Amino acid sequence: MSALDAGQQAQLLALYPILTSLAVAARSRLLESIQLMRLPAGTVLFDERQACQGFPLILEGAVRVVKASSSGRELPLYRVTPGETCVITTSCLVGKADYTARGMAESDLVLVFLPAPVFSSLLVEPAFRDFVFHLFSARIAELMQLVEEVAFKKLDQRLAALLLGKGRIVHATHQQLADELGSVREIVSRLLKGFATQGLVSLGREQIEILEAAGLRQIAGR
């Protein structure tokens, strides 16, 4: 960890402009307390049943938040990118509870870490509190959509929708697609082969070409 230089402070305020709305004393307290962290891709930032020590603000890279089962399967919940916050971290800090999911660096990561006591003290600032809970509300809406998809849509529908959202050429392995869907590779591979048999996609090495988007849309919407 290291303190932020002037350029890094400017980057932080540009990505999280709400911080400029804080009272001068509160903003100074924040900037004096945070530390810069550089983490390689694959680093586990937090895991289930761990205590939450602080509030991360991402400058570069992304964090992938997943819910893991006892069998090792993972259900992706959401990604946190620069300018965003982690709803599970917010929940843990506000509720003084342990983490209920796992957060991993999806790519090389640069972030600043706001210690829990400083986070709690800043919640009395209306601008900071509104910022935190606005993003909290948005994330909850995303999670409710995920619950609806998992509970009410078949896997072939979700896979078709996932492919359509990635463009005409999808650069991903079957395992990566399975991870995004919270499924297993064998099932995803079987569904993809079915799509290929129907002439909807062409399967290559770590690549899927969409041939009939209309057919996939029909599957995704049924």
Protein backbone atom coordinates (compact mmCIF):
# COMPACT_ATOMS: atom_id res chain seq x y z
CA MET A 1 0.00 0.00 0.00
CA SER A 2 1.06 3.60 -0.58
CA ALA A 3 -0.38 7.08 -0.20
CA LEU A 4 -1.95 8.77 -3.22
CA ASP A 5 0.01 11.38 -5.13
CA ALA A 6 -1.65 14.46 -6.64
CA GLY A 7 -2.36 12.74 -9.96
CA GLN A 8 -3.97 9.73 -8.30
CA GLN A 9 -6.09 11.97 -6.09
CA ALA A 10 -7.30 13.81 -9.20
CA GLN A 11 -8.12 10.46 -10.87
CA LEU A 12 -10.09 9.36 -7.80
CA LEU A 13 -12.12 12.58 -7.72
CA ALA A 14 -12.78 12.36 -11.47
CA LEU A 15 -14.10 8.79 -11.19
CA TYR A 16 -16.05 9.49 -7.99
CA PRO A 17 -17.02 13.17 -8.42
CA ILE A 18 -19.43 12.96 -5.49
CA LEU A 19 -16.35 13.16 -3.26
CA THR A 20 -15.82 16.75 -4.36
CA SER A 21 -19.20 17.58 -2.78
CA LEU A 22 -17.97 16.61 0.68
CA ALA A 23 -17.18 19.28 3.21
CA VAL A 24 -13.53 20.30 3.03
CA ALA A 25 -12.72 18.67 6.39
CA ALA A 26 -14.44 15.41 5.42
CA ARG A 27 -12.70 15.27 2.02
CA SER A 28 -9.32 15.91 3.66
CA ARG A 29 -10.00 13.14 6.19
CA LEU A 30 -10.86 10.76 3.36
CA LEU A 31 -7.78 11.56 1.26
CA GLU A 32 -5.49 11.28 4.29
CA SER A 33 -6.87 7.88 5.32
CA ILE A 34 -6.96 5.98 2.02
CA GLN A 35 -4.15 3.84 0.65
CA LEU A 36 -3.39 2.87 -2.95
CA MET A 37 -3.35 -0.86 -3.71
CA ARG A 38 -2.15 -2.67 -6.86
CA LEU A 39 -3.34 -6.27 -7.20
CA PRO A 40 -2.76 -8.80 -10.00
CA ALA A 41 -5.60 -10.51 -11.86
CA GLY A 42 -7.00 -13.46 -9.92
CA THR A 43 -6.43 -11.97 -6.47
CA VAL A 44 -9.27 -12.69 -4.02
CA LEU A 45 -10.22 -9.37 -2.43
CA PHE A 46 -12.78 -10.85 -0.08
CA ASP A 47 -14.46 -14.18 0.55
CA GLU A 48 -17.48 -15.58 2.32
CA ARG A 49 -17.51 -15.40 6.13
CA GLN A 50 -14.67 -12.85 6.16
CA ALA A 51 -15.06 -9.62 8.09
CA CYS A 52 -15.24 -6.45 6.02
CA GLN A 53 -12.31 -4.15 6.77
CA GLY A 54 -13.11 -1.26 4.44
CA PHE A 55 -14.66 0.20 1.32
CA PRO A 56 -12.83 -0.14 -2.04
CA LEU A 57 -12.95 2.55 -4.73
CA ILE A 58 -11.64 1.24 -8.05
CA LEU A 59 -9.34 3.32 -10.24
CA GLU A 60 -8.38 0.70 -12.86
CA GLY A 61 -9.53 -2.84 -13.67
CA ALA A 62 -12.62 -4.71 -12.49
CA VAL A 63 -13.76 -6.92 -9.63
CA ARG A 64 -15.94 -9.97 -10.32
CA VAL A 65 -18.33 -10.81 -7.47
CA VAL A 66 -19.64 -14.38 -7.32
CA LYS A 67 -21.61 -16.68 -5.05
CA ALA A 68 -19.89 -20.06 -4.68
CA SER A 69 -21.57 -23.36 -3.83
CA SER A 70 -20.10 -26.17 -1.73
CA SER A 71 -19.49 -28.12 -4.96
CA GLY A 72 -17.27 -25.36 -6.32
CA ARG A 73 -19.75 -23.96 -8.85
CA GLU A 74 -20.00 -20.19 -9.04
CA LEU A 75 -22.89 -17.88 -9.91
CA PRO A 76 -21.68 -14.48 -11.14
CA LEU A 77 -23.56 -11.70 -9.36
CA TYR A 78 -22.08 -8.51 -10.83
CA ARG A 79 -18.87 -6.68 -11.78
CA VAL A 80 -17.49 -3.57 -10.15
CA THR A 81 -15.64 -1.19 -12.47
CA PRO A 82 -14.04 2.25 -11.96
CA GLY A 83 -16.57 4.76 -10.63
CA GLU A 84 -18.79 2.03 -9.14
CA THR A 85 -19.10 0.51 -5.67
CA CYS A 86 -19.70 -3.00 -4.30
CA VAL A 87 -23.18 -3.50 -2.86
CA ILE A 88 -22.15 -6.49 -0.75
CA THR A 89 -19.31 -4.51 0.82
CA THR A 90 -21.75 -1.67 1.53
CA SER A 91 -24.21 -4.11 3.10
CA CYS A 92 -21.51 -5.67 5.27
CA LEU A 93 -20.21 -2.32 6.50
CA VAL A 94 -23.64 -0.88 7.25
CA GLY A 95 -24.91 -4.09 8.85
CA LYS A 96 -21.59 -4.93 10.54
CA ALA A 97 -21.81 -8.43 9.07
CA ASP A 98 -19.38 -10.78 7.32
CA TYR A 99 -19.17 -11.14 3.55
CA THR A 100 -21.67 -13.47 1.87
CA ALA A 101 -19.91 -13.70 -1.51
CA ARG A 102 -16.45 -13.72 -3.08
CA GLY A 103 -14.80 -10.84 -4.91
CA MET A 104 -11.88 -11.46 -7.29
CA ALA A 105 -9.75 -9.20 -9.46
CA GLU A 106 -10.94 -9.91 -13.00
CA SER A 107 -7.91 -8.04 -14.36
CA ASP A 108 -4.92 -6.23 -12.89
CA LEU A 109 -6.43 -3.87 -10.37
CA VAL A 110 -5.64 -0.44 -8.96
CA LEU A 111 -7.88 0.71 -6.12
CA VAL A 112 -7.96 2.78 -2.99
CA PHE A 113 -9.15 1.35 0.29
CA LEU A 114 -11.30 3.41 2.66
CA PRO A 115 -11.05 1.97 6.20
CA ALA A 116 -14.34 0.96 7.81
CA PRO A 117 -14.25 3.63 10.59
CA VAL A 118 -13.73 6.40 8.01
CA PHE A 119 -16.53 5.00 5.83
CA SER A 120 -18.89 5.04 8.83
CA SER A 121 -17.95 8.61 9.72
CA LEU A 122 -18.54 9.78 6.14
CA LEU A 123 -22.08 8.35 6.09
CA VAL A 124 -23.18 11.36 8.14
CA GLU A 125 -22.32 13.51 5.10
CA PRO A 126 -25.54 13.77 3.01
CA ALA A 127 -23.69 13.76 -0.35
CA PHE A 128 -21.68 10.65 0.46
CA ARG A 129 -24.65 8.84 1.99
CA ASP A 130 -26.84 9.59 -1.05
CA PHE A 131 -24.08 8.39 -3.40
CA VAL A 132 -23.60 5.09 -1.53
CA PHE A 133 -27.28 4.25 -1.27
CA HIS A 134 -28.11 5.32 -4.83
CA LEU A 135 -25.59 2.78 -6.16
CA PHE A 136 -26.78 0.28 -3.54
CA SER A 137 -30.32 0.59 -4.91
CA ALA A 138 -29.13 0.18 -8.51
CA ARG A 139 -27.18 -2.99 -7.64
CA ILE A 140 -30.15 -4.49 -5.80
CA ALA A 141 -32.26 -3.97 -8.93
CA GLU A 142 -29.61 -5.80 -11.00
CA LEU A 143 -29.53 -8.68 -8.52
CA MET A 144 -33.32 -8.97 -8.60
CA GLN A 145 -33.12 -9.26 -12.39
CA LEU A 146 -30.52 -12.01 -12.00
CA VAL A 147 -32.75 -13.86 -9.54
CA GLU A 148 -35.63 -13.64 -12.01
CA GLU A 149 -33.49 -15.00 -14.85
CA VAL A 150 -32.14 -17.90 -12.78
CA ALA A 151 -35.51 -18.77 -11.28
CA PHE A 152 -37.79 -18.40 -14.28
CA LYS A 153 -35.73 -18.74 -17.46
CA LYS A 154 -34.35 -21.97 -18.86
CA LEU A 155 -30.61 -22.24 -19.39
CA ASP A 156 -30.94 -22.29 -23.19
CA GLN A 157 -32.78 -18.96 -23.03
CA ARG A 158 -30.10 -17.42 -20.82
CA LEU A 159 -27.30 -18.77 -23.02
CA ALA A 160 -28.93 -17.39 -26.17
CA ALA A 161 -29.34 -13.98 -24.53
CA LEU A 162 -25.73 -14.05 -23.31
CA LEU A 163 -24.40 -14.80 -26.80
CA LEU A 164 -26.51 -12.05 -28.36
CA GLY A 165 -25.08 -9.55 -25.90
CA LYS A 166 -21.50 -10.26 -26.96
CA GLY A 167 -21.66 -9.36 -30.66
CA ARG A 168 -21.48 -11.46 -33.83
CA ILE A 169 -18.17 -13.11 -32.87
CA VAL A 170 -17.96 -14.31 -29.28
CA HIS A 171 -14.43 -14.82 -28.02
CA ALA A 172 -14.96 -17.10 -25.04
CA THR A 173 -14.48 -20.71 -24.00
CA HIS A 174 -17.40 -22.92 -23.07
CA GLN A 175 -16.11 -22.83 -19.48
CA GLN A 176 -16.13 -19.02 -19.42
CA LEU A 177 -19.72 -18.97 -20.67
CA ALA A 178 -20.67 -21.57 -18.07
CA ASP A 179 -19.07 -19.44 -15.34
CA GLU A 180 -21.08 -16.41 -16.43
CA LEU A 181 -24.27 -18.44 -16.34
CA GLY A 182 -23.50 -20.20 -13.06
CA SER A 183 -23.68 -23.55 -14.84
CA VAL A 184 -21.21 -26.30 -15.80
CA ARG A 185 -19.21 -26.61 -19.01
CA GLU A 186 -20.72 -29.93 -20.12
CA ILE A 187 -24.27 -28.56 -20.17
CA VAL A 188 -23.26 -25.37 -21.96
CA SER A 189 -21.29 -27.35 -24.53
CA ARG A 190 -24.31 -29.57 -25.19
CA LEU A 191 -26.56 -26.54 -25.67
CA LEU A 192 -24.04 -24.88 -28.00
CA LYS A 193 -23.82 -28.03 -30.10
CA GLY A 194 -27.60 -27.96 -30.32
CA PHE A 195 -27.50 -24.34 -31.49
CA ALA A 196 -24.87 -25.33 -34.07
CA THR A 197 -26.98 -28.24 -35.33
CA GLN A 198 -29.85 -25.80 -35.86
CA GLY A 199 -27.54 -23.54 -37.88
CA LEU A 200 -27.73 -20.73 -35.35
CA VAL A 201 -24.02 -20.60 -34.51
CA SER A 202 -20.69 -21.89 -35.76
CA LEU A 203 -18.33 -23.27 -33.12
CA GLY A 204 -14.57 -22.74 -33.28
CA ARG A 205 -11.63 -22.82 -30.89
CA GLU A 206 -12.46 -20.36 -28.09
CA GLN A 207 -14.76 -18.62 -30.57
CA ILE A 208 -18.46 -18.74 -31.45
CA GLU A 209 -19.85 -17.05 -34.54
CA ILE A 210 -23.52 -16.11 -34.54
CA LEU A 211 -25.08 -17.10 -37.87
CA GLU A 212 -28.78 -16.58 -37.17
CA ALA A 213 -29.35 -13.87 -34.57
CA ALA A 214 -33.11 -13.98 -35.17
CA GLY A 215 -33.20 -17.63 -34.16
CA LEU A 216 -31.27 -16.94 -30.98
CA ARG A 217 -33.59 -14.03 -30.17
CA GLN A 218 -36.54 -16.36 -30.54
CA ILE A 219 -35.00 -18.81 -28.08
CA ALA A 220 -34.01 -16.02 -25.65
CA GLY A 221 -37.52 -14.55 -25.63
CA ARG A 222 -39.66 -17.64 -25.41
